[in-house]
C-alpha atoms as a PDB file:
ATOM      1  CA  MET A   1     -12.310 -16.528  21.322  1.00  0.00           C
ATOM      2  CA  ASN A   2     -10.610 -17.207  24.640  1.00  0.00           C
ATOM      3  CA  TRP A   3      -7.420 -15.153  24.536  1.00  0.00           C
ATOM      4  CA  ASN A   4      -6.317 -16.146  28.053  1.00  0.00           C
ATOM      5  CA  ASP A   5      -5.390 -19.717  27.111  1.00  0.00           C
ATOM      6  CA  ARG A   6      -3.995 -19.032  23.639  1.00  0.00           C
ATOM      7  CA  GLU A   7      -0.297 -19.673  22.992  1.00  0.00           C
ATOM      8  CA  THR A   8      -0.052 -19.713  19.187  1.00  0.00           C
ATOM      9  CA  LYS A   9      -0.454 -17.249  16.355  1.00  0.00           C
ATOM     10  CA  LEU A  10      -3.798 -17.048  14.563  1.00  0.00           C
ATOM     11  CA  THR A  11      -4.402 -19.210  11.538  1.00  0.00           C
ATOM     12  CA  ASN A  12      -5.604 -17.345   8.468  1.00  0.00           C
ATOM     13  CA  ALA A  13      -9.078 -18.818   8.985  1.00  0.00           C
ATOM     14  CA  GLU A  14      -9.153 -17.556  12.585  1.00  0.00           C
ATOM     15  CA  PHE A  15      -7.876 -14.151  11.494  1.00  0.00           C
ATOM     16  CA  ASP A  16     -10.559 -13.904   8.812  1.00  0.00           C
ATOM     17  CA  SER A  17     -13.272 -14.859  11.311  1.00  0.00           C
ATOM     18  CA  LEU A  18     -12.390 -12.215  13.924  1.00  0.00           C
ATOM     19  CA  PRO A  19     -15.419 -10.034  14.693  1.00  0.00           C
ATOM     20  CA  ARG A  20     -15.249  -6.751  12.789  1.00  0.00           C
ATOM     21  CA  ASN A  21     -17.256  -3.538  12.713  1.00  0.00           C
ATOM     22  CA  ALA A  22     -19.087  -2.181   9.652  1.00  0.00           C
ATOM     23  CA  ASP A  23     -15.827  -0.619   8.378  1.00  0.00           C
ATOM     24  CA  GLY A  24     -14.012  -3.969   8.551  1.00  0.00           C
ATOM     25  CA  ASP A  25     -11.898  -3.076  11.588  1.00  0.00           C
ATOM     26  CA  ILE A  26     -11.201  -5.812  14.139  1.00  0.00           C
ATOM     27  CA  ILE A  27     -13.312  -5.150  17.227  1.00  0.00           C
ATOM     28  CA  ASP A  28     -10.994  -6.768  19.796  1.00  0.00           C
ATOM     29  CA  LEU A  29      -7.652  -5.812  18.251  1.00  0.00           C
ATOM     30  CA  SER A  30      -5.899  -5.167  21.561  1.00  0.00           C
ATOM     31  CA  ASN A  31      -6.292  -8.824  22.605  1.00  0.00           C
ATOM     32  CA  ALA A  32      -5.717 -10.248  19.119  1.00  0.00           C
ATOM     33  CA  SER A  33      -2.655  -8.146  18.321  1.00  0.00           C
ATOM     34  CA  VAL A  34       0.000 -10.432  19.837  1.00  0.00           C
ATOM     35  CA  PHE A  35      -1.389 -13.408  17.907  1.00  0.00           C
ATOM     36  CA  ILE A  36      -1.458 -11.723  14.481  1.00  0.00           C
ATOM     37  CA  THR A  37       1.263 -12.864  12.083  1.00  0.00           C
ATOM     38  CA  ASP A  38       3.326 -10.490   9.950  1.00  0.00           C
ATOM     39  CA  SER A  39       1.476 -11.565   6.807  1.00  0.00           C
ATOM     40  CA  GLN A  40      -1.891 -11.016   8.503  1.00  0.00           C
ATOM     41  CA  ARG A  41      -0.713  -7.625   9.696  1.00  0.00           C
ATOM     42  CA  GLU A  42      -0.223  -6.622   6.062  1.00  0.00           C
ATOM     43  CA  ARG A  43      -3.932  -7.347   5.504  1.00  0.00           C
ATOM     44  CA  LEU A  44      -5.151  -4.990   8.257  1.00  0.00           C
ATOM     45  CA  SER A  45      -7.264  -1.945   7.453  1.00  0.00           C
ATOM     46  CA  GLU A  46      -5.573   1.450   7.717  1.00  0.00           C
ATOM     47  CA  ASP A  47      -7.317   2.094  11.030  1.00  0.00           C
ATOM     48  CA  ASP A  48      -6.250  -1.289  12.419  1.00  0.00           C
ATOM     49  CA  TRP A  49      -2.694  -0.729  11.140  1.00  0.00           C
ATOM     50  CA  SER A  50      -2.570   2.560  13.040  1.00  0.00           C
ATOM     51  CA  ARG A  51      -3.986   0.945  16.174  1.00  0.00           C
ATOM     52  CA  MET A  52      -1.374  -1.852  15.908  1.00  0.00           C
ATOM     53  CA  ILE A  53       1.407   0.744  15.848  1.00  0.00           C
ATOM     54  CA  ASP A  54      -0.044   2.294  19.013  1.00  0.00           C
ATOM     55  CA  LEU A  55      -0.244  -1.139  20.653  1.00  0.00           C
ATOM     56  CA  ASP A  56       3.357  -1.912  19.624  1.00  0.00           C
ATOM     57  CA  GLU A  57       4.536   1.346  21.198  1.00  0.00           C
ATOM     58  CA  GLU A  58       2.566   0.674  24.372  1.00  0.00           C
ATOM     59  CA  MET A  59       4.058  -2.827  24.642  1.00  0.00           C
ATOM     60  CA  ALA A  60       7.575  -1.449  24.112  1.00  0.00           C
ATOM     61  CA  CYS A  61       7.033   1.002  26.978  1.00  0.00           C
ATOM     62  CA  LEU A  62       5.695  -1.738  29.258  1.00  0.00           C
ATOM     63  CA  MET A  63       8.656  -3.962  28.432  1.00  0.00           C
ATOM     64  CA  ALA A  64      11.107  -1.126  29.141  1.00  0.00           C
ATOM     65  CA  ASP A  65       9.411  -0.501  32.495  1.00  0.00           C
ATOM     66  CA  ALA A  66       9.603  -4.215  33.350  1.00  0.00           C
ATOM     67  CA  ARG A  67      13.301  -4.392  32.391  1.00  0.00           C
ATOM     68  CA  ALA A  68      14.038  -1.359  34.584  1.00  0.00           C
ATOM     69  CA  GLU A  69      12.033  -2.703  37.516  1.00  0.00           C
ATOM     70  CA  PHE A  70      13.199  -6.312  37.397  1.00  0.00           C
ATOM     71  CA  GLY A  71      16.695  -5.821  35.988  1.00  0.00           C
ATOM     72  CA  PHE A  72      16.273  -7.708  32.724  1.00  0.00           C
END
């Protein structure tokens, strides 16, 4: 999947077809995370759920840094 040109959330079919490891965890979660809907998020494995929380925290820090640097 080409994440660079994507502008919309994943459909359920796209979410279900994301490449996963043997444990069912999404392999490329860091790129997919911003396109996952709230209802799809509820379907994540425990490991993916934990990784999403980490990604959310990282994004919040990056946004705070950007607001401080650019005065948003």
